[in-house]
Amino acid sequence: MFNTTDLAPLLAERGIQMSASQVHRLVTGTPERLNLQVFAALCDILDAGPAELFEPVVITSTRRKTAEKTGPFPPASPGEVRRPRRARIVPDQP
């Protein structure tokens, strides 16, 4: 199989409906995620096992930044419970 257009009918035989552009992106790129039904169909079409088509890769991510403790209000003391204060709406003064 040398053309991505050859893959679409084989997927359709297995109940997977994909447009030509979706098949092209699947074949030419590295998908971030893949439906298991599509993966099983690809294994069947290519007569390959999952380990032959899939190699797990661990991507280390940086730790998410949290809000800093500086701001208009001082941080709460340990054990202190802060409750929100109800806003008071007053009419404009003429």
PDB file of N, CA and C in Angstrom:
ATOM      1  N   MET A   1       0.852  -1.165   0.000  1.00  0.00           N
ATOM      2  CA  MET A   1       0.000   0.000   0.000  1.00  0.00           C
ATOM      3  C   MET A   1       0.903   1.235   0.000  1.00  0.00           C
ATOM      4  N   PHE A   2       0.756   2.048  -1.049  1.00  0.00           N
ATOM      5  CA  PHE A   2       1.633   3.201  -1.192  1.00  0.00           C
ATOM      6  C   PHE A   2       0.885   4.523  -1.183  1.00  0.00           C
ATOM      7  N   ASN A   3      -0.420   4.492  -1.296  1.00  0.00           N
ATOM      8  CA  ASN A   3      -1.214   5.720  -1.312  1.00  0.00           C
ATOM      9  C   ASN A   3      -2.156   5.748  -0.119  1.00  0.00           C
ATOM     10  N   THR A   4      -2.343   6.949   0.409  1.00  0.00           N
ATOM     11  CA  THR A   4      -3.291   7.077   1.520  1.00  0.00           C
ATOM     12  C   THR A   4      -4.712   6.807   1.042  1.00  0.00           C
ATOM     13  N   THR A   5      -4.977   7.015  -0.247  1.00  0.00           N
ATOM     14  CA  THR A   5      -6.325   6.752  -0.772  1.00  0.00           C
ATOM     15  C   THR A   5      -6.654   5.266  -0.759  1.00  0.00           C
ATOM     16  N   ASP A   6      -5.637   4.412  -0.737  1.00  0.00           N
ATOM     17  CA  ASP A   6      -5.873   2.966  -0.667  1.00  0.00           C
ATOM     18  C   ASP A   6      -6.384   2.542   0.710  1.00  0.00           C
ATOM     19  N   LEU A   7      -6.106   3.355   1.719  1.00  0.00           N
ATOM     20  CA  LEU A   7      -6.451   2.989   3.088  1.00  0.00           C
ATOM     21  C   LEU A   7      -7.925   3.255   3.409  1.00  0.00           C
ATOM     22  N   ALA A   8      -8.503   4.295   2.845  1.00  0.00           N
ATOM     23  CA  ALA A   8      -9.888   4.676   3.166  1.00  0.00           C
ATOM     24  C   ALA A   8     -10.890   3.550   2.898  1.00  0.00           C
ATOM     25  N   PRO A   9     -10.847   2.869   1.728  1.00  0.00           N
ATOM     26  CA  PRO A   9     -11.817   1.786   1.519  1.00  0.00           C
ATOM     27  C   PRO A   9     -11.612   0.609   2.475  1.00  0.00           C
ATOM     28  N   LEU A  10     -10.368   0.348   2.839  1.00  0.00           N
ATOM     29  CA  LEU A  10     -10.096  -0.748   3.773  1.00  0.00           C
ATOM     30  C   LEU A  10     -10.632  -0.423   5.166  1.00  0.00           C
ATOM     31  N   LEU A  11     -10.522   0.844   5.550  1.00  0.00           N
ATOM     32  CA  LEU A  11     -11.097   1.264   6.831  1.00  0.00           C
ATOM     33  C   LEU A  11     -12.621   1.184   6.775  1.00  0.00           C
ATOM     34  N   ALA A  12     -13.194   1.583   5.640  1.00  0.00           N
ATOM     35  CA  ALA A  12     -14.653   1.555   5.486  1.00  0.00           C
ATOM     36  C   ALA A  12     -15.191   0.128   5.584  1.00  0.00           C
ATOM     37  N   GLU A  13     -14.440  -0.841   5.073  1.00  0.00           N
ATOM     38  CA  GLU A  13     -14.850  -2.248   5.183  1.00  0.00           C
ATOM     39  C   GLU A  13     -14.966  -2.682   6.637  1.00  0.00           C
ATOM     40  N   ARG A  14     -14.203  -2.025   7.495  1.00  0.00           N
ATOM     41  CA  ARG A  14     -14.190  -2.374   8.919  1.00  0.00           C
ATOM     42  C   ARG A  14     -15.056  -1.425   9.749  1.00  0.00           C
ATOM     43  N   GLY A  15     -15.887  -0.644   9.066  1.00  0.00           N
ATOM     44  CA  GLY A  15     -16.828   0.232   9.765  1.00  0.00           C
ATOM     45  C   GLY A  15     -16.271   1.570  10.184  1.00  0.00           C
ATOM     46  N   ILE A  16     -15.106   1.948   9.690  1.00  0.00           N
ATOM     47  CA  ILE A  16     -14.493   3.225  10.047  1.00  0.00           C
ATOM     48  C   ILE A  16     -14.658   4.175   8.865  1.00  0.00           C
ATOM     49  N   GLN A  17     -15.440   5.229   9.053  1.00  0.00           N
ATOM     50  CA  GLN A  17     -15.657   6.215   7.993  1.00  0.00           C
ATOM     51  C   GLN A  17     -14.769   7.425   8.267  1.00  0.00           C
ATOM     52  N   MET A  18     -13.825   7.673   7.380  1.00  0.00           N
ATOM     53  CA  MET A  18     -12.925   8.822   7.508  1.00  0.00           C
ATOM     54  C   MET A  18     -12.826   9.508   6.156  1.00  0.00           C
ATOM     55  N   SER A  19     -12.706  10.841   6.194  1.00  0.00           N
ATOM     56  CA  SER A  19     -12.532  11.582   4.949  1.00  0.00           C
ATOM     57  C   SER A  19     -11.105  11.385   4.453  1.00  0.00           C
ATOM     58  N   ALA A  20     -10.874  11.766   3.199  1.00  0.00           N
ATOM     59  CA  ALA A  20      -9.536  11.631   2.616  1.00  0.00           C
ATOM     60  C   ALA A  20      -8.524  12.470   3.387  1.00  0.00           C
ATOM     61  N   SER A  21      -8.934  13.657   3.833  1.00  0.00           N
ATOM     62  CA  SER A  21      -7.999  14.505   4.584  1.00  0.00           C
ATOM     63  C   SER A  21      -7.691  13.912   5.960  1.00  0.00           C
ATOM     64  N   GLN A  22      -8.678  13.275   6.596  1.00  0.00           N
ATOM     65  CA  GLN A  22      -8.430  12.635   7.891  1.00  0.00           C
ATOM     66  C   GLN A  22      -7.462  11.470   7.741  1.00  0.00           C
ATOM     67  N   VAL A  23      -7.628  10.679   6.699  1.00  0.00           N
ATOM     68  CA  VAL A  23      -6.722   9.552   6.454  1.00  0.00           C
ATOM     69  C   VAL A  23      -5.325  10.077   6.165  1.00  0.00           C
ATOM     70  N   HIS A  24      -5.234  11.147   5.383  1.00  0.00           N
ATOM     71  CA  HIS A  24      -3.928  11.730   5.056  1.00  0.00           C
ATOM     72  C   HIS A  24      -3.218  12.207   6.325  1.00  0.00           C
ATOM     73  N   ARG A  25      -3.945  12.916   7.198  1.00  0.00           N
ATOM     74  CA  ARG A  25      -3.341  13.394   8.458  1.00  0.00           C
ATOM     75  C   ARG A  25      -2.928  12.233   9.348  1.00  0.00           C
ATOM     76  N   LEU A  26      -3.734  11.173   9.360  1.00  0.00           N
ATOM     77  CA  LEU A  26      -3.423   9.995  10.173  1.00  0.00           C
ATOM     78  C   LEU A  26      -2.132   9.338   9.705  1.00  0.00           C
ATOM     79  N   VAL A  27      -1.948   9.248   8.394  1.00  0.00           N
ATOM     80  CA  VAL A  27      -0.792   8.549   7.832  1.00  0.00           C
ATOM     81  C   VAL A  27       0.460   9.414   7.850  1.00  0.00           C
ATOM     82  N   THR A  28       0.332  10.697   7.541  1.00  0.00           N
ATOM     83  CA  THR A  28       1.523  11.541   7.390  1.00  0.00           C
ATOM     84  C   THR A  28       1.978  12.190   8.683  1.00  0.00           C
ATOM     85  N   GLY A  29       1.107  12.294   9.664  1.00  0.00           N
ATOM     86  CA  GLY A  29       1.481  12.953  10.911  1.00  0.00           C
ATOM     87  C   GLY A  29       1.542  11.981  12.068  1.00  0.00           C
ATOM     88  N   THR A  30       1.821  12.528  13.231  1.00  0.00           N
ATOM     89  CA  THR A  30       1.814  11.742  14.462  1.00  0.00           C
ATOM     90  C   THR A  30       0.603  12.188  15.267  1.00  0.00           C
ATOM     91  N   PRO A  31      -0.452  11.367  15.305  1.00  0.00           N
ATOM     92  CA  PRO A  31      -1.658  11.794  16.020  1.00  0.00           C
ATOM     93  C   PRO A  31      -1.422  11.853  17.526  1.00  0.00           C
ATOM     94  N   GLU A  32      -2.015  12.855  18.166  1.00  0.00           N
ATOM     95  CA  GLU A  32      -1.912  12.974  19.622  1.00  0.00           C
ATOM     96  C   GLU A  32      -2.775  11.931  20.311  1.00  0.00           C
ATOM     97  N   ARG A  33      -3.881  11.604  19.692  1.00  0.00           N
ATOM     98  CA  ARG A  33      -4.768  10.571  20.232  1.00  0.00           C
ATOM     99  C   ARG A  33      -5.373   9.812  19.059  1.00  0.00           C
ATOM    100  N   LEU A  34      -5.806   8.593  19.339  1.00  0.00           N
ATOM    101  CA  LEU A  34      -6.318   7.737  18.285  1.00  0.00           C
ATOM    102  C   LEU A  34      -7.426   6.866  18.861  1.00  0.00           C
ATOM    103  N   ASN A  35      -8.537   6.825  18.181  1.00  0.00           N
ATOM    104  CA  ASN A  35      -9.665   5.997  18.572  1.00  0.00           C
ATOM    105  C   ASN A  35      -9.228   4.533  18.538  1.00  0.00           C
ATOM    106  N   LEU A  36      -9.599   3.762  19.551  1.00  0.00           N
ATOM    107  CA  LEU A  36      -9.189   2.357  19.611  1.00  0.00           C
ATOM    108  C   LEU A  36      -9.767   1.526  18.474  1.00  0.00           C
ATOM    109  N   GLN A  37     -10.952   1.888  17.992  1.00  0.00           N
ATOM    110  CA  GLN A  37     -11.522   1.163  16.856  1.00  0.00           C
ATOM    111  C   GLN A  37     -10.680   1.390  15.602  1.00  0.00           C
ATOM    112  N   VAL A  38     -10.210   2.614  15.413  1.00  0.00           N
ATOM    113  CA  VAL A  38      -9.340   2.916  14.266  1.00  0.00           C
ATOM    114  C   VAL A  38      -8.022   2.168  14.424  1.00  0.00           C
ATOM    115  N   PHE A  39      -7.491   2.157  15.635  1.00  0.00           N
ATOM    116  CA  PHE A  39      -6.225   1.465  15.893  1.00  0.00           C
ATOM    117  C   PHE A  39      -6.358  -0.033  15.622  1.00  0.00           C
ATOM    118  N   ALA A  40      -7.457  -0.625  16.077  1.00  0.00           N
ATOM    119  CA  ALA A  40      -7.685  -2.055  15.833  1.00  0.00           C
ATOM    120  C   ALA A  40      -7.842  -2.333  14.344  1.00  0.00           C
ATOM    121  N   ALA A  41      -8.522  -1.436  13.630  1.00  0.00           N
ATOM    122  CA  ALA A  41      -8.681  -1.608  12.183  1.00  0.00           C
ATOM    123  C   ALA A  41      -7.335  -1.509  11.479  1.00  0.00           C
ATOM    124  N   LEU A  42      -6.487  -0.577  11.906  1.00  0.00           N
ATOM    125  CA  LEU A  42      -5.153  -0.452  11.300  1.00  0.00           C
ATOM    126  C   LEU A  42      -4.319  -1.704  11.561  1.00  0.00           C
ATOM    127  N   CYS A  43      -4.409  -2.246  12.766  1.00  0.00           N
ATOM    128  CA  CYS A  43      -3.685  -3.488  13.072  1.00  0.00           C
ATOM    129  C   CYS A  43      -4.153  -4.615  12.157  1.00  0.00           C
ATOM    130  N   ASP A  44      -5.459  -4.694  11.933  1.00  0.00           N
ATOM    131  CA  ASP A  44      -6.010  -5.738  11.069  1.00  0.00           C
ATOM    132  C   ASP A  44      -5.586  -5.528   9.613  1.00  0.00           C
ATOM    133  N   ILE A  45      -5.681  -4.298   9.123  1.00  0.00           N
ATOM    134  CA  ILE A  45      -5.329  -3.995   7.729  1.00  0.00           C
ATOM    135  C   ILE A  45      -3.860  -4.281   7.461  1.00  0.00           C
ATOM    136  N   LEU A  46      -3.009  -3.865   8.377  1.00  0.00           N
ATOM    137  CA  LEU A  46      -1.563  -4.007   8.174  1.00  0.00           C
ATOM    138  C   LEU A  46      -1.036  -5.351   8.665  1.00  0.00           C
ATOM    139  N   ASP A  47      -1.929  -6.183   9.207  1.00  0.00           N
ATOM    140  CA  ASP A  47      -1.544  -7.495   9.734  1.00  0.00           C
ATOM    141  C   ASP A  47      -0.379  -7.353  10.714  1.00  0.00           C
ATOM    142  N   ALA A  48      -0.567  -6.437  11.657  1.00  0.00           N
ATOM    143  CA  ALA A  48       0.474  -6.140  12.643  1.00  0.00           C
ATOM    144  C   ALA A  48      -0.153  -6.134  14.031  1.00  0.00           C
ATOM    145  N   GLY A  49       0.681  -6.372  15.012  1.00  0.00           N
ATOM    146  CA  GLY A  49       0.227  -6.308  16.393  1.00  0.00           C
ATOM    147  C   GLY A  49       0.306  -4.881  16.909  1.00  0.00           C
ATOM    148  N   PRO A  50      -0.389  -4.592  18.000  1.00  0.00           N
ATOM    149  CA  PRO A  50      -0.355  -3.245  18.565  1.00  0.00           C
ATOM    150  C   PRO A  50       1.056  -2.764  18.891  1.00  0.00           C
ATOM    151  N   ALA A  51       1.906  -3.656  19.370  1.00  0.00           N
ATOM    152  CA  ALA A  51       3.272  -3.260  19.728  1.00  0.00           C
ATOM    153  C   ALA A  51       4.086  -2.857  18.504  1.00  0.00           C
ATOM    154  N   GLU A  52       3.703  -3.342  17.331  1.00  0.00           N
ATOM    155  CA  GLU A  52       4.428  -2.979  16.114  1.00  0.00           C
ATOM    156  C   GLU A  52       4.034  -1.594  15.604  1.00  0.00           C
ATOM    157  N   LEU A  53       2.846  -1.147  15.960  1.00  0.00           N
ATOM    158  CA  LEU A  53       2.370   0.153  15.482  1.00  0.00           C
ATOM    159  C   LEU A  53       2.470   1.253  16.528  1.00  0.00           C
ATOM    160  N   PHE A  54       2.571   0.870  17.776  1.00  0.00           N
ATOM    161  CA  PHE A  54       2.508   1.853  18.852  1.00  0.00           C
ATOM    162  C   PHE A  54       3.715   1.716  19.755  1.00  0.00           C
ATOM    163  N   GLU A  55       4.398   2.825  19.969  1.00  0.00           N
ATOM    164  CA  GLU A  55       5.520   2.851  20.905  1.00  0.00           C
ATOM    165  C   GLU A  55       5.241   3.946  21.924  1.00  0.00           C
ATOM    166  N   PRO A  56       4.999   3.574  23.177  1.00  0.00           N
ATOM    167  CA  PRO A  56       4.692   4.604  24.168  1.00  0.00           C
ATOM    168  C   PRO A  56       5.891   5.506  24.431  1.00  0.00           C
ATOM    169  N   VAL A  57       5.612   6.783  24.545  1.00  0.00           N
ATOM    170  CA  VAL A  57       6.645   7.777  24.805  1.00  0.00           C
ATOM    171  C   VAL A  57       6.162   8.638  25.961  1.00  0.00           C
ATOM    172  N   VAL A  58       7.006   8.810  26.952  1.00  0.00           N
ATOM    173  CA  VAL A  58       6.663   9.645  28.094  1.00  0.00           C
ATOM    174  C   VAL A  58       7.154  11.051  27.813  1.00  0.00           C
ATOM    175  N   ILE A  59       6.245  11.996  27.900  1.00  0.00           N
ATOM    176  CA  ILE A  59       6.599  13.394  27.701  1.00  0.00           C
ATOM    177  C   ILE A  59       6.547  14.058  29.064  1.00  0.00           C
ATOM    178  N   THR A  60       7.690  14.530  29.515  1.00  0.00           N
ATOM    179  CA  THR A  60       7.721  15.195  30.812  1.00  0.00           C
ATOM    180  C   THR A  60       7.236  16.620  30.625  1.00  0.00           C
ATOM    181  N   SER A  61       6.396  17.036  31.524  1.00  0.00           N
ATOM    182  CA  SER A  61       5.874  18.390  31.435  1.00  0.00           C
ATOM    183  C   SER A  61       6.389  19.190  32.617  1.00  0.00           C
ATOM    184  N   THR A  62       6.424  20.481  32.434  1.00  0.00           N
ATOM    185  CA  THR A  62       6.846  21.342  33.526  1.00  0.00           C
ATOM    186  C   THR A  62       5.689  21.485  34.497  1.00  0.00           C
ATOM    187  N   ARG A  63       6.017  21.757  35.715  1.00  0.00           N
ATOM    188  CA  ARG A  63       4.993  21.892  36.739  1.00  0.00           C
ATOM    189  C   ARG A  63       4.197  23.165  36.489  1.00  0.00           C
ATOM    190  N   ARG A  64       2.901  23.062  36.667  1.00  0.00           N
ATOM    191  CA  ARG A  64       2.050  24.229  36.468  1.00  0.00           C
ATOM    192  C   ARG A  64       2.357  25.280  37.512  1.00  0.00           C
ATOM    193  N   LYS A  65       2.362  26.498  37.075  1.00  0.00           N
ATOM    194  CA  LYS A  65       2.588  27.590  38.007  1.00  0.00           C
ATOM    195  C   LYS A  65       1.309  27.849  38.786  1.00  0.00           C
ATOM    196  N   THR A  66       1.479  28.160  40.050  1.00  0.00           N
ATOM    197  CA  THR A  66       0.333  28.499  40.880  1.00  0.00           C
ATOM    198  C   THR A  66       0.367  29.991  41.158  1.00  0.00           C
ATOM    199  N   ALA A  67      -0.717  30.499  41.627  1.00  0.00           N
ATOM    200  CA  ALA A  67      -0.789  31.920  41.926  1.00  0.00           C
ATOM    201  C   ALA A  67       0.209  32.263  43.027  1.00  0.00           C
ATOM    202  N   GLU A  68       0.799  33.420  42.873  1.00  0.00           N
ATOM    203  CA  GLU A  68       1.755  33.849  43.895  1.00  0.00           C
ATOM    204  C   GLU A  68       1.001  34.353  45.114  1.00  0.00           C
ATOM    205  N   LYS A  69       1.685  34.404  46.230  1.00  0.00           N
ATOM    206  CA  LYS A  69       1.042  34.785  47.482  1.00  0.00           C
ATOM    207  C   LYS A  69       0.981  36.294  47.672  1.00  0.00           C
ATOM    208  N   THR A  70       1.423  37.037  46.682  1.00  0.00           N
ATOM    209  CA  THR A  70       1.343  38.486  46.787  1.00  0.00           C
ATOM    210  C   THR A  70       0.061  38.945  46.125  1.00  0.00           C
ATOM    211  N   GLY A  71      -0.499  40.020  46.607  1.00  0.00           N
ATOM    212  CA  GLY A  71      -1.733  40.532  46.041  1.00  0.00           C
ATOM    213  C   GLY A  71      -2.277  41.628  46.931  1.00  0.00           C
ATOM    214  N   PRO A  72      -3.497  42.068  46.689  1.00  0.00           N
ATOM    215  CA  PRO A  72      -4.048  43.165  47.479  1.00  0.00           C
ATOM    216  C   PRO A  72      -4.393  42.770  48.912  1.00  0.00           C
ATOM    217  N   PHE A  73      -4.528  41.478  49.174  1.00  0.00           N
ATOM    218  CA  PHE A  73      -4.877  41.026  50.512  1.00  0.00           C
ATOM    219  C   PHE A  73      -3.735  40.192  51.081  1.00  0.00           C
ATOM    220  N   PRO A  74      -3.437  40.359  52.367  1.00  0.00           N
ATOM    221  CA  PRO A  74      -2.376  39.540  52.961  1.00  0.00           C
ATOM    222  C   PRO A  74      -2.808  38.079  53.033  1.00  0.00           C
ATOM    223  N   PRO A  75      -1.855  37.158  52.980  1.00  0.00           N
ATOM    224  CA  PRO A  75      -2.222  35.739  53.061  1.00  0.00           C
ATOM    225  C   PRO A  75      -2.828  35.407  54.418  1.00  0.00           C
ATOM    226  N   ALA A  76      -3.674  34.403  54.434  1.00  0.00           N
ATOM    227  CA  ALA A  76      -4.329  33.974  55.671  1.00  0.00           C
ATOM    228  C   ALA A  76      -3.313  33.304  56.580  1.00  0.00           C
ATOM    229  N   SER A  77      -3.530  33.457  57.872  1.00  0.00           N
ATOM    230  CA  SER A  77      -2.676  32.794  58.851  1.00  0.00           C
ATOM    231  C   SER A  77      -3.018  31.316  58.868  1.00  0.00           C
ATOM    232  N   PRO A  78      -2.078  30.460  59.293  1.00  0.00           N
ATOM    233  CA  PRO A  78      -2.400  29.032  59.381  1.00  0.00           C
ATOM    234  C   PRO A  78      -3.582  28.814  60.318  1.00  0.00           C
ATOM    235  N   GLY A  79      -4.553  28.066  59.897  1.00  0.00           N
ATOM    236  CA  GLY A  79      -5.730  27.782  60.708  1.00  0.00           C
ATOM    237  C   GLY A  79      -6.820  28.831  60.593  1.00  0.00           C
ATOM    238  N   GLU A  80      -6.526  29.965  59.966  1.00  0.00           N
ATOM    239  CA  GLU A  80      -7.523  31.025  59.828  1.00  0.00           C
ATOM    240  C   GLU A  80      -8.474  30.681  58.681  1.00  0.00           C
ATOM    241  N   VAL A  81      -9.753  30.806  58.953  1.00  0.00           N
ATOM    242  CA  VAL A  81     -10.760  30.556  57.924  1.00  0.00           C
ATOM    243  C   VAL A  81     -11.255  31.899  57.426  1.00  0.00           C
ATOM    244  N   ARG A  82     -11.143  32.117  56.150  1.00  0.00           N
ATOM    245  CA  ARG A  82     -11.619  33.372  55.579  1.00  0.00           C
ATOM    246  C   ARG A  82     -12.959  33.135  54.908  1.00  0.00           C
ATOM    247  N   ARG A  83     -13.879  34.008  55.187  1.00  0.00           N
ATOM    248  CA  ARG A  83     -15.199  33.930  54.589  1.00  0.00           C
ATOM    249  C   ARG A  83     -15.357  35.113  53.634  1.00  0.00           C
ATOM    250  N   PRO A  84     -16.038  34.916  52.540  1.00  0.00           N
ATOM    251  CA  PRO A  84     -16.259  36.035  51.631  1.00  0.00           C
ATOM    252  C   PRO A  84     -17.205  37.054  52.260  1.00  0.00           C
ATOM    253  N   ARG A  85     -17.010  38.312  51.900  1.00  0.00           N
ATOM    254  CA  ARG A  85     -17.874  39.369  52.401  1.00  0.00           C
ATOM    255  C   ARG A  85     -18.878  39.742  51.331  1.00  0.00           C
ATOM    256  N   ARG A  86     -20.133  39.912  51.733  1.00  0.00           N
ATOM    257  CA  ARG A  86     -21.177  40.266  50.781  1.00  0.00           C
ATOM    258  C   ARG A  86     -20.928  41.688  50.276  1.00  0.00           C
ATOM    259  N   ALA A  87     -21.073  41.864  48.965  1.00  0.00           N
ATOM    260  CA  ALA A  87     -20.918  43.191  48.377  1.00  0.00           C
ATOM    261  C   ALA A  87     -22.161  44.020  48.673  1.00  0.00           C
ATOM    262  N   ARG A  88     -21.944  45.287  48.931  1.00  0.00           N
ATOM    263  CA  ARG A  88     -23.058  46.182  49.205  1.00  0.00           C
ATOM    264  C   ARG A  88     -23.192  47.133  48.033  1.00  0.00           C
ATOM    265  N   ILE A  89     -24.341  47.119  47.383  1.00  0.00           N
ATOM    266  CA  ILE A  89     -24.560  47.974  46.223  1.00  0.00           C
ATOM    267  C   ILE A  89     -25.364  49.178  46.678  1.00  0.00           C
ATOM    268  N   VAL A  90     -24.811  50.351  46.436  1.00  0.00           N
ATOM    269  CA  VAL A  90     -25.489  51.587  46.833  1.00  0.00           C
ATOM    270  C   VAL A  90     -25.818  52.383  45.580  1.00  0.00           C
ATOM    271  N   PRO A  91     -26.922  53.125  45.601  1.00  0.00           N
ATOM    272  CA  PRO A  91     -27.281  53.919  44.421  1.00  0.00           C
ATOM    273  C   PRO A  91     -26.300  55.072  44.233  1.00  0.00           C
ATOM    274  N   ASP A  92     -26.174  55.528  42.974  1.00  0.00           N
ATOM    275  CA  ASP A  92     -25.309  56.676  42.678  1.00  0.00           C
ATOM    276  C   ASP A  92     -25.880  57.921  43.336  1.00  0.00           C
ATOM    277  N   GLN A  93     -25.020  58.788  43.824  1.00  0.00           N
ATOM    278  CA  GLN A  93     -25.428  60.046  44.433  1.00  0.00           C
ATOM    279  C   GLN A  93     -25.617  61.088  43.328  1.00  0.00           C
ATOM    280  N   PRO A  94     -26.783  61.767  43.285  1.00  0.00           N
ATOM    281  CA  PRO A  94     -26.972  62.794  42.235  1.00  0.00           C
ATOM    282  C   PRO A  94     -26.175  64.046  42.484  1.00  0.00           C
TER     283      PRO A  94
END
